[in-house]
Amino acid sequence: MSTTFANGRPERRAAPRRLGWIRSGLFWRTFFLLSVLTALSMASWIGMLSVFQRGSQAEQTAELLVSVVTITKAALTHSAPDLRLELLMELVSNEGIRVLTLEPTDHVEPPPAWLLPEIAARVRDRLGQDTRFSRRVNDMPGFWVSFDIDGDKYWLMLERERIASLTGVQWLGWATLVGVLSLVGAALISSLVNLPLARLTAAARAIAQGKRPAPLPEKGSKEIVEANRSFNQMIDDLQQLEKDRAVILAGISHDLRTPLARMQLELEMAKLSTEAREGMQSDIAQMDAIIGQFLDFARPTEAATFVPINLSELLEDCAREAARLQDVRVSADIDGDIHVPANSTDLRRVINNIIENARRYGKTPGQDVTEIDIACHVKLGGHGRRAVVEINDHGVGVPEDQIQLLLRPFTRLDSARGQANGAGLGLAIVERVVTRHNAELSVRNRDGGGLVIAFSLPLAA
């Protein structure tokens, strides 16, 4: 809904967009470093294995080939001619060895890729330099080695599985299995390493939101135990500090405002001129307002007091109260039925402080009144749907390099916003309460003059 107070015109503006950088978490950094370390270790291990076992593997393979050929050759040479056929059949069925006559017309393919030059050289040194190797003879796959018996040439065929080392596919399979197990281990180690830090981060975030986190478990390594114990002690100390501050605030409110009330009473009864009485009443009111600002700034905002409230109605009430002032004209553009989780009293204080800050410092140039625009809409941003409240005036604004100073306690930019009484805590109170409400606050100059103070609150479930 859109409601207008006095003669102001409502103005709708989009909330500023914030661009965030994507940062990798500590878990992923640890996981990545462990994965790289594992990959480098595996590559180094495979390289060293290949280098150191190359010679021994070549020697073992060559000895196996020479032994099979020598034994087969001896068996055929010393067996009776009528039993050779039976011997060849037995070699085929039991040992997977075939012996065929080598013919000049045989179709011979090159030796297998895994056959190293060292293996071939060692076999030829034992069986003769004319020994030949092949992976397929007459389209029959296997591992073929030639030998001769009394000048006759023969082929001896072995099954590849008996002498072949691990193939590339097998190496890839084993490497994949080891890699997957390593990644799982890296993820587990990263989780165990980062879990205490994640708990500490969540607890610190809860403290920033005004909540009391559960005590951190005091177990694990010595460093983690000491860190968690110190953090838990800090939580207890902060809790005690909050209790002490509540007592101090109550004492300040009573001990300072009681004399002020007595002074106000004596002032009313004293026979003073009207000018002197009004001046002293103004001083007393100013001191009372400053004390109130100190108390508001020091008063904590407990998240436990948050309940769903109708932000639209709250803003309408604050706008109506501000419109009753003679030097203020208020216009409002507020969507209806916007509910947010908040402390109603503290949130009303925030809105009133912003309006009072605009009334004091944001008078429209050339006029004796302050024009204030109040807008509230539900918008979709980087943190989902949120209620965005914007309150702006039509004054002279603030130099860009001094905007952030407005949120500092006890800071008043009199040169830019005009002279006024106060302790400089108005916007500092706003920033403190808004942060406790898990809201985002932004301050910027308005196009055409004036200052815009905007904050976005999460919607109630």
Protein backbone atom coordinates (compact mmCIF):
# COMPACT_ATOMS: atom_id res chain seq x y z
CA MET A 1 0.00 0.00 0.00
CA SER A 2 1.05 3.62 -0.50
CA THR A 3 0.28 6.23 2.17
CA THR A 4 1.17 9.91 1.92
CA PHE A 5 1.62 12.23 4.88
CA ALA A 6 1.74 16.01 4.28
CA ASN A 7 2.78 16.98 0.76
CA GLY A 8 5.80 14.79 0.15
CA ARG A 9 6.13 12.46 -2.80
CA PRO A 10 7.05 8.80 -2.24
CA GLU A 11 10.14 7.57 -3.96
CA ARG A 12 11.00 3.92 -4.63
CA ARG A 13 14.54 2.85 -5.14
CA ALA A 14 16.09 -0.56 -5.53
CA ALA A 15 18.35 -1.78 -2.76
CA PRO A 16 22.04 -1.68 -3.68
CA ARG A 17 23.38 -4.92 -5.03
CA ARG A 18 26.44 -6.38 -3.42
CA LEU A 19 28.90 -8.37 -5.40
CA GLY A 20 30.66 -11.10 -3.49
CA TRP A 21 33.82 -13.01 -4.33
CA ILE A 22 33.68 -16.77 -4.34
CA ARG A 23 36.14 -18.05 -1.79
CA SER A 24 37.09 -21.65 -1.41
CA GLY A 25 36.64 -22.96 2.14
CA LEU A 26 39.41 -24.43 4.23
CA PHE A 27 37.94 -27.92 3.71
CA TRP A 28 38.28 -27.68 -0.07
CA ARG A 29 41.76 -26.18 0.17
CA THR A 30 42.91 -29.01 2.43
CA PHE A 31 41.19 -31.57 0.23
CA PHE A 32 42.84 -30.13 -2.90
CA LEU A 33 46.32 -30.07 -1.34
CA LEU A 34 45.99 -33.65 -0.09
CA SER A 35 44.73 -34.77 -3.52
CA VAL A 36 47.65 -33.11 -5.29
CA LEU A 37 50.08 -34.63 -2.80
CA THR A 38 48.54 -38.08 -3.32
CA ALA A 39 48.67 -37.74 -7.12
CA LEU A 40 52.32 -36.65 -7.05
CA SER A 41 53.19 -39.50 -4.68
CA MET A 42 51.49 -42.06 -6.95
CA ALA A 43 53.22 -40.67 -10.04
CA SER A 44 56.60 -40.76 -8.29
CA TRP A 45 55.98 -44.29 -7.02
CA ILE A 46 55.01 -45.56 -10.49
CA GLY A 47 58.03 -43.85 -12.02
CA MET A 48 60.44 -45.35 -9.50
CA LEU A 49 58.81 -48.77 -9.86
CA SER A 50 59.20 -48.60 -13.60
CA VAL A 51 62.85 -47.57 -13.38
CA PHE A 52 64.01 -49.99 -10.69
CA GLN A 53 61.99 -53.02 -11.80
CA ARG A 54 62.64 -52.63 -15.51
CA GLY A 55 65.89 -54.60 -15.43
CA SER A 56 64.69 -57.36 -13.08
CA GLN A 57 61.41 -57.75 -14.96
CA ALA A 58 63.24 -58.05 -18.28
CA GLU A 59 65.60 -60.67 -16.84
CA GLN A 60 62.77 -62.74 -15.31
CA THR A 61 60.74 -62.68 -18.53
CA ALA A 62 63.76 -63.64 -20.62
CA GLU A 63 64.61 -66.53 -18.27
CA LEU A 64 61.02 -67.78 -18.48
CA LEU A 65 61.04 -67.76 -22.28
CA VAL A 66 64.42 -69.44 -22.50
CA SER A 67 63.41 -72.11 -19.95
CA VAL A 68 60.15 -72.96 -21.73
CA VAL A 69 61.81 -73.16 -25.14
CA THR A 70 64.78 -75.19 -23.85
CA ILE A 71 62.60 -77.68 -21.96
CA THR A 72 60.19 -78.08 -24.88
CA LYS A 73 63.08 -78.49 -27.32
CA ALA A 74 64.75 -81.11 -25.09
CA ALA A 75 61.47 -83.01 -24.63
CA LEU A 76 60.87 -83.18 -28.35
CA THR A 77 64.47 -84.15 -29.13
CA HIS A 78 64.71 -87.00 -26.67
CA SER A 79 61.22 -88.41 -27.03
CA ALA A 80 60.43 -91.39 -29.19
CA PRO A 81 59.11 -90.42 -32.63
CA ASP A 82 55.87 -92.34 -32.11
CA LEU A 83 55.24 -90.48 -28.81
CA ARG A 84 55.89 -86.91 -30.06
CA LEU A 85 52.30 -86.39 -31.17
CA GLU A 86 51.05 -87.41 -27.75
CA LEU A 87 53.64 -85.08 -26.13
CA LEU A 88 52.51 -82.14 -28.25
CA MET A 89 48.88 -82.75 -27.28
CA GLU A 90 49.82 -82.85 -23.61
CA LEU A 91 51.74 -79.59 -23.93
CA VAL A 92 48.70 -77.94 -25.45
CA SER A 93 46.19 -79.24 -22.90
CA ASN A 94 48.26 -78.89 -19.73
CA GLU A 95 50.75 -76.09 -20.38
CA GLY A 96 49.05 -74.05 -23.11
CA ILE A 97 52.12 -74.54 -25.35
CA ARG A 98 51.88 -75.19 -29.07
CA VAL A 99 54.69 -76.22 -31.38
CA LEU A 100 54.24 -75.67 -35.11
CA THR A 101 56.55 -75.93 -38.04
CA LEU A 102 57.92 -72.57 -39.23
CA GLU A 103 57.20 -72.08 -42.91
CA PRO A 104 58.62 -69.32 -45.12
CA THR A 105 55.07 -68.44 -46.14
CA ASP A 106 53.87 -67.81 -42.60
CA HIS A 107 52.18 -64.45 -42.07
CA VAL A 108 54.06 -62.96 -39.11
CA GLU A 109 53.05 -59.78 -37.23
CA PRO A 110 55.50 -57.66 -35.15
CA PRO A 111 56.22 -58.64 -31.55
CA PRO A 112 53.95 -57.32 -28.75
CA ALA A 113 54.41 -53.79 -27.47
CA TRP A 114 55.47 -54.86 -23.98
CA LEU A 115 58.43 -56.85 -25.34
CA LEU A 116 61.38 -54.70 -24.35
CA PRO A 117 64.62 -54.65 -26.36
CA GLU A 118 66.39 -55.97 -23.25
CA ILE A 119 64.18 -59.09 -23.23
CA ALA A 120 64.72 -59.81 -26.91
CA ALA A 121 68.49 -59.34 -26.56
CA ARG A 122 68.71 -61.69 -23.57
CA VAL A 123 66.65 -64.39 -25.31
CA ARG A 124 68.73 -64.18 -28.53
CA ASP A 125 71.95 -64.46 -26.51
CA ARG A 126 70.71 -67.82 -25.18
CA LEU A 127 68.78 -69.22 -28.13
CA GLY A 128 70.60 -67.66 -31.07
CA GLN A 129 70.57 -64.41 -32.93
CA ASP A 130 68.12 -65.68 -35.55
CA THR A 131 65.38 -66.13 -32.92
CA ARG A 132 62.20 -64.39 -34.01
CA PHE A 133 59.25 -63.03 -32.01
CA SER A 134 55.67 -62.41 -33.01
CA ARG A 135 52.27 -61.63 -31.50
CA ARG A 136 50.28 -63.33 -34.24
CA VAL A 137 51.22 -66.04 -36.78
CA ASN A 138 48.78 -66.88 -39.55
CA ASP A 139 46.08 -64.91 -37.68
CA MET A 140 46.55 -67.03 -34.55
CA PRO A 141 47.07 -64.77 -31.50
CA GLY A 142 49.60 -65.58 -28.80
CA PHE A 143 53.23 -65.04 -27.98
CA TRP A 144 55.42 -66.76 -30.57
CA VAL A 145 59.13 -67.62 -30.32
CA SER A 146 61.10 -69.44 -32.99
CA PHE A 147 63.67 -72.19 -32.37
CA ASP A 148 65.34 -74.90 -34.40
CA ILE A 149 66.00 -78.61 -33.95
CA ASP A 150 68.77 -80.01 -36.13
CA GLY A 151 68.26 -77.28 -38.71
CA ASP A 152 64.45 -77.50 -38.77
CA LYS A 153 62.61 -74.29 -37.80
CA TYR A 154 59.66 -74.38 -35.41
CA TRP A 155 57.31 -71.92 -33.71
CA LEU A 156 56.56 -72.18 -29.98
CA MET A 157 53.41 -70.40 -28.93
CA LEU A 158 52.67 -69.36 -25.32
CA GLU A 159 49.54 -67.76 -23.94
CA ARG A 160 50.06 -64.07 -23.43
CA GLU A 161 48.70 -64.10 -19.88
CA ARG A 162 51.62 -66.28 -18.72
CA ILE A 163 54.33 -63.76 -19.49
CA ALA A 164 52.71 -60.41 -20.21
CA SER A 165 53.01 -57.73 -17.55
CA LEU A 166 50.17 -55.42 -16.57
CA THR A 167 48.59 -53.75 -19.57
CA GLY A 168 47.79 -50.05 -19.83
CA VAL A 169 44.12 -50.72 -19.09
CA GLN A 170 45.04 -52.69 -15.98
CA TRP A 171 47.39 -49.97 -14.83
CA LEU A 172 44.61 -47.41 -15.40
CA GLY A 173 42.15 -49.53 -13.42
CA TRP A 174 44.47 -49.93 -10.47
CA ALA A 175 45.42 -46.25 -10.60
CA THR A 176 41.74 -45.27 -10.63
CA LEU A 177 40.96 -47.51 -7.66
CA VAL A 178 43.90 -46.19 -5.66
CA GLY A 179 43.00 -42.62 -6.68
CA VAL A 180 39.39 -42.97 -5.53
CA LEU A 181 40.47 -44.47 -2.20
CA SER A 182 43.00 -41.64 -1.79
CA LEU A 183 40.35 -39.00 -2.49
CA VAL A 184 38.00 -40.58 0.04
CA GLY A 185 40.81 -40.62 2.59
CA ALA A 186 41.68 -36.99 1.77
CA ALA A 187 38.03 -35.97 2.26
CA LEU A 188 37.89 -37.80 5.59
CA ILE A 189 41.14 -36.25 6.81
CA SER A 190 40.00 -32.78 5.69
CA SER A 191 36.72 -33.19 7.56
CA LEU A 192 38.45 -34.32 10.74
CA VAL A 193 40.97 -31.47 10.53
CA ASN A 194 38.40 -28.75 9.77
CA LEU A 195 35.56 -29.92 12.02
CA PRO A 196 36.87 -28.14 15.18
CA LEU A 197 37.42 -24.94 13.18
CA ALA A 198 33.92 -25.20 11.69
CA ARG A 199 32.44 -25.56 15.17
CA LEU A 200 34.43 -22.56 16.37
CA THR A 201 33.28 -20.50 13.37
CA ALA A 202 29.62 -21.40 13.96
CA ALA A 203 29.92 -20.50 17.63
CA ALA A 204 31.57 -17.15 16.82
CA ARG A 205 28.80 -16.42 14.28
CA ALA A 206 26.18 -17.19 16.92
CA ILE A 207 27.83 -14.73 19.31
CA ALA A 208 27.81 -12.06 16.59
CA GLN A 209 24.04 -12.61 16.23
CA GLY A 210 23.48 -12.15 19.95
CA LYS A 211 22.98 -15.83 20.73
CA ARG A 212 24.66 -18.00 23.33
CA PRO A 213 26.21 -21.02 21.59
CA ALA A 214 26.48 -24.45 23.13
CA PRO A 215 29.84 -25.16 24.80
CA LEU A 216 32.46 -26.53 22.43
CA PRO A 217 33.61 -30.10 23.15
CA GLU A 218 36.90 -30.09 25.03
CA LYS A 219 38.39 -33.17 23.42
CA GLY A 220 40.84 -33.96 20.66
CA SER A 221 44.40 -32.78 20.27
CA LYS A 222 46.05 -30.58 22.86
CA GLU A 223 45.76 -27.43 20.75
CA ILE A 224 42.05 -27.99 20.02
CA VAL A 225 41.27 -28.71 23.67
CA GLU A 226 43.03 -25.52 24.80
CA ALA A 227 41.35 -23.40 22.10
CA ASN A 228 37.87 -24.74 22.90
CA ARG A 229 38.40 -24.39 26.63
CA SER A 230 39.52 -20.77 26.19
CA PHE A 231 36.54 -20.07 23.95
CA ASN A 232 34.10 -21.56 26.45
CA GLN A 233 35.69 -19.48 29.21
CA MET A 234 35.31 -16.39 27.03
CA ILE A 235 31.59 -17.15 26.57
CA ASP A 236 31.13 -17.40 30.34
CA ASP A 237 33.02 -14.14 30.86
CA LEU A 238 30.89 -12.38 28.25
CA GLN A 239 27.74 -13.67 29.89
CA GLN A 240 28.90 -12.34 33.24
CA LEU A 241 29.83 -9.06 31.59
CA GLU A 242 26.32 -8.75 30.17
CA LYS A 243 24.85 -9.26 33.63
CA ASP A 244 27.21 -6.68 35.13
CA ARG A 245 26.37 -4.24 32.37
CA ALA A 246 22.64 -4.64 33.03
CA VAL A 247 23.25 -3.74 36.69
CA ILE A 248 25.39 -0.75 35.69
CA LEU A 249 22.76 0.47 33.24
CA ALA A 250 20.07 0.29 35.89
CA GLY A 251 22.29 2.21 38.30
CA ILE A 252 23.13 4.89 35.73
CA SER A 253 19.51 5.38 34.82
CA HIS A 254 18.53 5.81 38.47
CA ASP A 255 21.52 7.74 39.82
CA LEU A 256 21.68 10.28 36.98
CA ARG A 257 18.06 10.83 36.09
CA THR A 258 16.93 11.22 39.69
CA PRO A 259 19.04 14.38 40.19
CA LEU A 260 17.86 15.67 36.81
CA ALA A 261 14.23 15.21 37.86
CA ARG A 262 14.96 17.01 41.14
CA MET A 263 16.64 19.85 39.24
CA GLN A 264 13.64 20.07 36.91
CA LEU A 265 11.29 20.32 39.91
CA GLU A 266 13.40 22.99 41.62
CA LEU A 267 13.58 24.90 38.35
CA GLU A 268 9.80 25.00 38.11
CA MET A 269 9.56 26.35 41.64
CA ALA A 270 12.36 28.89 41.32
CA LYS A 271 11.57 32.52 40.52
CA LEU A 272 13.49 32.92 37.25
CA SER A 273 12.92 34.84 34.10
CA THR A 274 11.26 33.05 31.23
CA GLU A 275 14.45 33.13 29.13
CA ALA A 276 16.59 31.70 31.94
CA ARG A 277 14.03 28.99 32.76
CA GLU A 278 13.73 27.89 29.13
CA GLY A 279 17.51 27.79 28.74
CA MET A 280 17.98 25.62 31.84
CA GLN A 281 15.08 23.37 30.82
CA SER A 282 16.74 22.93 27.44
CA ASP A 283 20.04 21.97 29.09
CA ILE A 284 18.31 19.45 31.35
CA ALA A 285 16.41 17.94 28.42
CA GLN A 286 19.65 17.71 26.44
CA MET A 287 21.42 15.91 29.31
CA ASP A 288 18.48 13.53 29.66
CA ALA A 289 18.56 12.81 25.92
CA ILE A 290 22.31 12.16 26.00
CA ILE A 291 21.88 9.76 28.93
CA GLY A 292 19.15 8.00 26.97
CA GLN A 293 21.45 7.62 23.97
CA PHE A 294 24.19 6.14 26.14
CA LEU A 295 21.74 3.66 27.62
CA ASP A 296 20.33 2.72 24.21
CA PHE A 297 23.83 2.17 22.82
CA ALA A 298 24.89 -0.02 25.75
CA ARG A 299 21.64 -1.95 26.04
CA PRO A 300 22.00 -5.45 24.46
CA THR A 301 19.57 -6.82 21.90
CA GLU A 302 18.79 -10.42 22.77
CA ALA A 303 17.92 -12.72 19.87
CA ALA A 304 15.72 -14.69 22.26
CA THR A 305 13.30 -11.72 22.33
CA PHE A 306 12.72 -11.85 18.55
CA VAL A 307 9.13 -12.57 17.52
CA PRO A 308 7.38 -12.14 14.17
CA ILE A 309 6.16 -8.52 13.97
CA ASN A 310 4.26 -6.61 11.30
CA LEU A 311 6.94 -4.33 9.90
CA SER A 312 4.43 -2.50 7.70
CA GLU A 313 2.31 -1.42 10.66
CA LEU A 314 5.39 -0.44 12.66
CA LEU A 315 6.63 1.83 9.86
CA GLU A 316 3.16 3.35 9.43
CA ASP A 317 3.04 4.18 13.16
CA CYS A 318 6.50 5.76 13.09
CA ALA A 319 5.57 7.76 9.98
CA ARG A 320 2.38 9.06 11.62
CA GLU A 321 4.29 10.07 14.76
CA ALA A 322 6.90 11.92 12.68
CA ALA A 323 4.21 13.66 10.63
CA ARG A 324 2.84 15.30 13.80
CA LEU A 325 6.02 17.35 14.11
CA GLN A 326 5.72 20.83 12.69
CA ASP A 327 9.05 20.85 10.86
CA VAL A 328 8.67 17.42 9.17
CA ARG A 329 6.80 16.28 6.07
CA VAL A 330 6.66 12.52 5.61
CA SER A 331 5.68 10.44 2.58
CA ALA A 332 5.49 6.65 2.74
CA ASP A 333 5.38 3.85 0.17
CA ILE A 334 5.03 0.68 2.22
CA ASP A 335 3.91 -2.77 1.13
CA GLY A 336 1.33 -4.33 3.41
CA ASP A 337 1.66 -7.34 5.71
CA ILE A 338 5.43 -7.68 5.79
CA HIS A 339 6.41 -9.75 8.80
CA VAL A 340 9.97 -10.06 10.11
CA PRO A 341 11.50 -11.66 13.24
CA ALA A 342 12.61 -8.79 15.46
CA ASN A 343 12.43 -7.08 18.81
CA SER A 344 9.64 -4.56 18.31
CA THR A 345 10.97 -2.03 20.82
CA ASP A 346 14.50 -2.06 19.45
CA LEU A 347 13.35 -1.91 15.83
CA ARG A 348 11.08 1.05 16.60
CA ARG A 349 14.07 2.75 18.24
CA VAL A 350 16.10 2.19 15.06
CA ILE A 351 13.44 3.75 12.82
CA ASN A 352 12.90 6.69 15.17
CA ASN A 353 16.64 7.33 15.39
CA ILE A 354 16.93 7.43 11.60
CA ILE A 355 13.96 9.79 11.34
CA GLU A 356 15.33 12.01 14.11
CA ASN A 357 18.75 12.06 12.45
CA ALA A 358 17.10 13.17 9.20
CA ARG A 359 15.00 15.81 11.03
CA ARG A 360 18.05 17.32 12.68
CA TYR A 361 20.53 17.22 9.85
CA GLY A 362 18.55 16.80 6.61
CA LYS A 363 16.47 19.93 6.25
CA THR A 364 15.62 20.72 2.66
CA PRO A 365 17.80 23.64 1.44
CA GLY A 366 15.87 26.89 1.40
CA GLN A 367 13.09 25.54 3.64
CA ASP A 368 12.45 25.23 7.36
CA VAL A 369 11.11 21.69 7.09
CA THR A 370 12.60 18.24 6.55
CA GLU A 371 11.12 16.09 3.81
CA ILE A 372 11.43 12.40 4.69
CA ASP A 373 10.54 9.50 2.40
CA ILE A 374 9.91 6.05 3.92
CA ALA A 375 9.70 2.99 1.66
CA CYS A 376 9.45 -0.71 2.46
CA HIS A 377 9.24 -3.50 -0.11
CA VAL A 378 10.03 -7.20 -0.33
CA LYS A 379 12.92 -7.81 -2.72
CA LEU A 380 14.93 -10.77 -3.88
CA GLY A 381 18.68 -10.53 -3.34
CA GLY A 382 21.75 -12.62 -2.71
CA HIS A 383 20.32 -13.88 0.62
CA GLY A 384 16.84 -14.68 -0.67
CA ARG A 385 13.66 -12.65 -0.14
CA ARG A 386 14.14 -9.86 2.38
CA ALA A 387 12.23 -6.80 3.56
CA VAL A 388 14.13 -3.71 2.42
CA VAL A 389 13.46 -0.46 4.33
CA GLU A 390 14.71 2.85 2.92
CA ILE A 391 14.47 6.18 4.76
CA ASN A 392 15.87 9.27 3.06
CA ASP A 393 15.76 13.03 3.38
CA HIS A 394 16.19 15.85 0.85
CA GLY A 395 19.04 17.67 2.57
CA VAL A 396 22.58 18.41 1.44
CA GLY A 397 23.93 14.89 1.98
CA VAL A 398 27.37 13.89 3.22
CA PRO A 399 30.74 13.88 1.42
CA GLU A 400 31.38 10.41 0.00
CA ASP A 401 34.62 9.94 1.90
CA GLN A 402 32.87 10.60 5.24
CA ILE A 403 29.79 8.37 4.92
CA GLN A 404 31.32 5.49 6.86
CA LEU A 405 32.21 7.84 9.71
CA LEU A 406 28.50 8.32 10.40
CA LEU A 407 28.26 4.83 11.91
CA ARG A 408 31.07 5.38 14.39
CA PRO A 409 30.12 6.16 17.98
CA PHE A 410 30.48 9.79 19.16
CA THR A 411 30.91 11.05 15.58
CA ARG A 412 29.02 14.09 14.28
CA LEU A 413 29.83 15.61 10.91
CA ASP A 414 28.78 19.13 11.80
CA SER A 415 30.51 20.63 8.78
CA ALA A 416 28.41 18.56 6.41
CA ARG A 417 25.12 18.09 8.26
CA GLY A 418 24.76 21.27 10.28
CA GLN A 419 25.01 21.94 13.99
CA ALA A 420 22.93 20.01 16.48
CA ASN A 421 22.97 18.76 20.04
CA GLY A 422 23.64 15.14 20.89
CA ALA A 423 26.34 12.62 21.68
CA GLY A 424 26.74 11.28 18.16
CA LEU A 425 25.30 7.88 18.97
CA GLY A 426 22.11 7.90 16.89
CA LEU A 427 23.38 6.02 13.83
CA ALA A 428 25.80 3.98 15.93
CA ILE A 429 22.76 2.66 17.82
CA VAL A 430 21.09 1.92 14.48
CA GLU A 431 24.11 -0.02 13.22
CA ARG A 432 24.41 -1.98 16.47
CA VAL A 433 20.75 -3.01 16.64
CA VAL A 434 20.48 -3.78 12.91
CA THR A 435 23.51 -6.06 13.07
CA ARG A 436 21.97 -7.98 15.98
CA HIS A 437 18.85 -8.48 13.83
CA ASN A 438 20.89 -10.27 11.15
CA ALA A 439 20.20 -7.36 8.81
CA GLU A 440 22.33 -5.50 6.28
CA LEU A 441 22.74 -1.73 6.65
CA SER A 442 23.81 0.66 3.90
CA VAL A 443 24.25 4.43 3.86
CA ARG A 444 24.54 6.42 0.64
CA ASN A 445 23.77 9.81 -0.81
CA ARG A 446 20.47 10.34 -2.57
CA ASP A 447 20.35 11.41 -6.19
CA GLY A 448 19.31 15.04 -6.10
CA GLY A 449 20.54 15.65 -2.55
CA GLY A 450 20.02 14.03 0.82
CA LEU A 451 21.03 10.87 2.60
CA VAL A 452 19.54 7.38 2.19
CA ILE A 453 19.74 4.89 5.05
CA ALA A 454 18.55 1.40 4.07
CA PHE A 455 18.50 -1.91 5.87
CA SER A 456 17.16 -5.32 4.83
CA LEU A 457 15.66 -7.83 7.25
CA PRO A 458 14.98 -11.54 6.68
CA LEU A 459 11.31 -12.41 6.41
CA ALA A 460 9.56 -14.37 9.13
CA ALA A 461 8.91 -18.01 8.36
